[in-house]
N, C-alpha and C. Protein backbone atom coordinates (compact mmCIF):
# COMPACT_ATOMS: atom_id res chain seq x y z
N MET A 1 -62.08 19.00 -29.98
CA MET A 1 -62.61 17.66 -29.92
C MET A 1 -62.33 16.28 -30.69
N ARG A 2 -62.58 16.93 -32.13
CA ARG A 2 -62.46 16.07 -32.98
C ARG A 2 -61.07 15.38 -33.23
N PHE A 3 -59.98 16.57 -33.02
CA PHE A 3 -58.63 16.01 -33.27
C PHE A 3 -58.37 15.06 -32.21
N SER A 4 -58.73 15.23 -30.72
CA SER A 4 -58.52 14.23 -29.70
C SER A 4 -58.93 12.88 -29.95
N PHE A 5 -60.22 12.79 -30.66
CA PHE A 5 -60.76 11.90 -30.97
C PHE A 5 -59.85 10.84 -32.03
N ILE A 6 -59.30 11.22 -33.23
CA ILE A 6 -58.70 11.14 -34.03
C ILE A 6 -57.50 10.51 -33.58
N VAL A 7 -56.68 11.19 -32.74
CA VAL A 7 -55.62 11.03 -32.03
C VAL A 7 -55.84 9.32 -31.37
N ALA A 8 -56.75 9.35 -30.61
CA ALA A 8 -57.06 8.22 -29.97
C ALA A 8 -57.33 6.87 -30.57
N ILE A 9 -57.97 7.33 -31.72
CA ILE A 9 -58.38 5.94 -32.66
C ILE A 9 -56.87 5.32 -33.43
N THR A 10 -56.04 6.59 -33.52
CA THR A 10 -54.82 6.20 -34.30
C THR A 10 -53.92 5.47 -33.28
N ALA A 11 -54.12 6.02 -31.97
CA ALA A 11 -53.07 5.18 -31.24
C ALA A 11 -53.60 3.75 -30.98
N LEU A 12 -54.81 3.58 -30.86
CA LEU A 12 -55.45 2.19 -30.77
C LEU A 12 -55.12 1.62 -31.81
N THR A 13 -55.27 1.75 -33.09
CA THR A 13 -54.85 1.11 -34.18
C THR A 13 -53.76 0.90 -34.08
N ALA A 14 -52.53 1.43 -33.90
CA ALA A 14 -50.73 0.96 -34.09
C ALA A 14 -50.87 -0.04 -32.79
N SER A 15 -51.50 0.30 -31.69
CA SER A 15 -51.27 -0.57 -30.72
C SER A 15 -51.81 -1.99 -30.78
N MET A 16 -52.59 -1.98 -31.51
CA MET A 16 -53.31 -3.33 -32.28
C MET A 16 -52.04 -4.11 -33.10
N SER A 17 -51.78 -3.33 -34.09
CA SER A 17 -51.41 -4.07 -35.24
C SER A 17 -50.02 -4.51 -34.37
N VAL A 18 -49.22 -3.52 -33.59
CA VAL A 18 -47.58 -4.03 -33.07
C VAL A 18 -47.94 -5.17 -32.20
N SER A 19 -49.41 -5.56 -31.49
CA SER A 19 -49.41 -6.77 -30.73
C SER A 19 -49.90 -8.07 -31.36
N ALA A 20 -50.23 -7.77 -32.66
CA ALA A 20 -50.89 -8.93 -33.53
C ALA A 20 -49.76 -9.78 -33.97
N CYS A 21 -50.28 -11.37 -33.46
CA CYS A 21 -49.37 -12.32 -34.38
C CYS A 21 -49.76 -12.61 -35.72
N GLY A 22 -48.85 -13.24 -36.66
CA GLY A 22 -49.33 -13.91 -37.73
C GLY A 22 -49.72 -15.03 -37.68
N LYS A 23 -50.98 -15.11 -38.61
CA LYS A 23 -51.76 -16.30 -38.47
C LYS A 23 -51.51 -16.64 -40.15
N PHE A 24 -52.30 -17.81 -40.61
CA PHE A 24 -51.93 -18.50 -42.00
C PHE A 24 -51.86 -17.54 -43.05
N GLU A 25 -50.54 -17.95 -43.90
CA GLU A 25 -50.17 -17.14 -44.97
C GLU A 25 -49.72 -15.77 -44.51
N ASP A 26 -49.85 -15.20 -43.24
CA ASP A 26 -49.36 -14.05 -43.01
C ASP A 26 -48.02 -13.63 -42.91
N TYR A 27 -47.27 -12.66 -43.25
CA TYR A 27 -45.93 -12.62 -43.46
C TYR A 27 -45.24 -12.32 -42.33
N CYS A 28 -44.34 -12.94 -41.99
CA CYS A 28 -43.37 -12.88 -41.11
C CYS A 28 -41.98 -12.78 -41.10
N ASN A 29 -41.16 -12.23 -40.25
CA ASN A 29 -39.98 -12.29 -40.21
C ASN A 29 -39.25 -12.17 -38.80
N ASN A 30 -37.87 -11.81 -38.59
CA ASN A 30 -37.33 -11.97 -37.20
C ASN A 30 -38.09 -11.22 -36.18
N ASP A 31 -38.59 -10.18 -36.78
CA ASP A 31 -39.39 -8.95 -35.66
C ASP A 31 -40.29 -9.37 -35.30
N ILE A 32 -41.58 -9.91 -36.45
CA ILE A 32 -42.78 -10.36 -36.18
C ILE A 32 -43.15 -11.88 -36.06
N GLY A 33 -43.25 -12.33 -35.10
CA GLY A 33 -43.45 -13.34 -35.07
C GLY A 33 -44.90 -14.31 -35.33
N CYS A 34 -45.02 -15.51 -35.57
CA CYS A 34 -46.44 -16.05 -36.06
C CYS A 34 -47.13 -16.64 -34.55
N CYS A 35 -48.39 -16.47 -34.50
CA CYS A 35 -49.04 -17.19 -33.71
C CYS A 35 -48.81 -18.19 -33.10
N SER A 36 -49.22 -18.73 -32.10
CA SER A 36 -49.13 -19.85 -31.37
C SER A 36 -49.85 -21.10 -32.38
N GLY A 37 -48.94 -22.21 -32.82
CA GLY A 37 -49.55 -23.03 -33.57
C GLY A 37 -48.86 -23.06 -35.10
N PHE A 38 -48.39 -21.87 -35.44
CA PHE A 38 -47.76 -21.50 -36.72
C PHE A 38 -46.49 -21.43 -36.63
N TYR A 39 -45.65 -21.71 -37.86
CA TYR A 39 -44.19 -20.97 -37.47
C TYR A 39 -44.08 -20.28 -38.88
N CYS A 40 -43.06 -19.76 -38.82
CA CYS A 40 -42.55 -18.56 -39.90
C CYS A 40 -41.47 -19.56 -41.43
N ASN A 41 -42.17 -19.66 -42.05
CA ASN A 41 -41.49 -20.48 -43.37
C ASN A 41 -40.77 -19.66 -44.18
N SER A 42 -39.53 -19.95 -43.77
CA SER A 42 -38.85 -18.54 -44.57
C SER A 42 -38.28 -19.34 -45.95
N THR A 43 -38.23 -18.48 -47.06
CA THR A 43 -37.88 -19.02 -48.53
C THR A 43 -36.82 -17.55 -48.48
N PRO A 44 -35.96 -18.00 -49.88
CA PRO A 44 -35.18 -16.75 -50.10
C PRO A 44 -35.75 -15.50 -50.70
N ASP A 45 -37.35 -15.56 -51.18
CA ASP A 45 -38.16 -14.38 -51.59
C ASP A 45 -38.89 -13.97 -50.37
N LEU A 46 -39.56 -14.83 -50.00
CA LEU A 46 -40.50 -14.33 -48.75
C LEU A 46 -40.71 -15.26 -47.27
N SER A 47 -41.29 -14.77 -46.25
CA SER A 47 -41.37 -15.57 -45.29
C SER A 47 -43.06 -15.58 -44.70
N TYR A 48 -43.51 -16.60 -44.57
CA TYR A 48 -44.92 -16.59 -44.08
C TYR A 48 -45.25 -17.64 -43.08
N CYS A 49 -46.19 -17.22 -42.33
CA CYS A 49 -46.64 -18.42 -41.30
C CYS A 49 -47.32 -19.57 -41.69
N LEU A 50 -47.19 -20.84 -41.35
CA LEU A 50 -47.67 -21.78 -41.86
C LEU A 50 -48.31 -22.57 -40.50
N PRO A 51 -49.31 -23.62 -40.58
CA PRO A 51 -49.51 -24.28 -39.32
C PRO A 51 -48.49 -25.24 -39.01
N THR A 52 -48.12 -25.52 -37.39
CA THR A 52 -47.31 -26.61 -36.81
C THR A 52 -47.75 -28.05 -37.63
N ALA A 53 -47.12 -29.07 -37.59
CA ALA A 53 -47.70 -30.32 -38.11
C ALA A 53 -48.13 -30.94 -36.65
N ALA A 54 -49.28 -31.67 -36.66
CA ALA A 54 -50.17 -31.78 -35.33
C ALA A 54 -49.41 -33.24 -35.32
């Protein structure tokens, strides 16, 4: 019983992290986009989400 509970929690956690979008200063790349209202600012060293200009 305990094993199935742990498996269920792990599966829910994995599915949430896959469907999440990047918010302010979250890392992003071609595979993981930013949330609505943010864009992926790419530099040679890293890429992170910034708000779009209003």
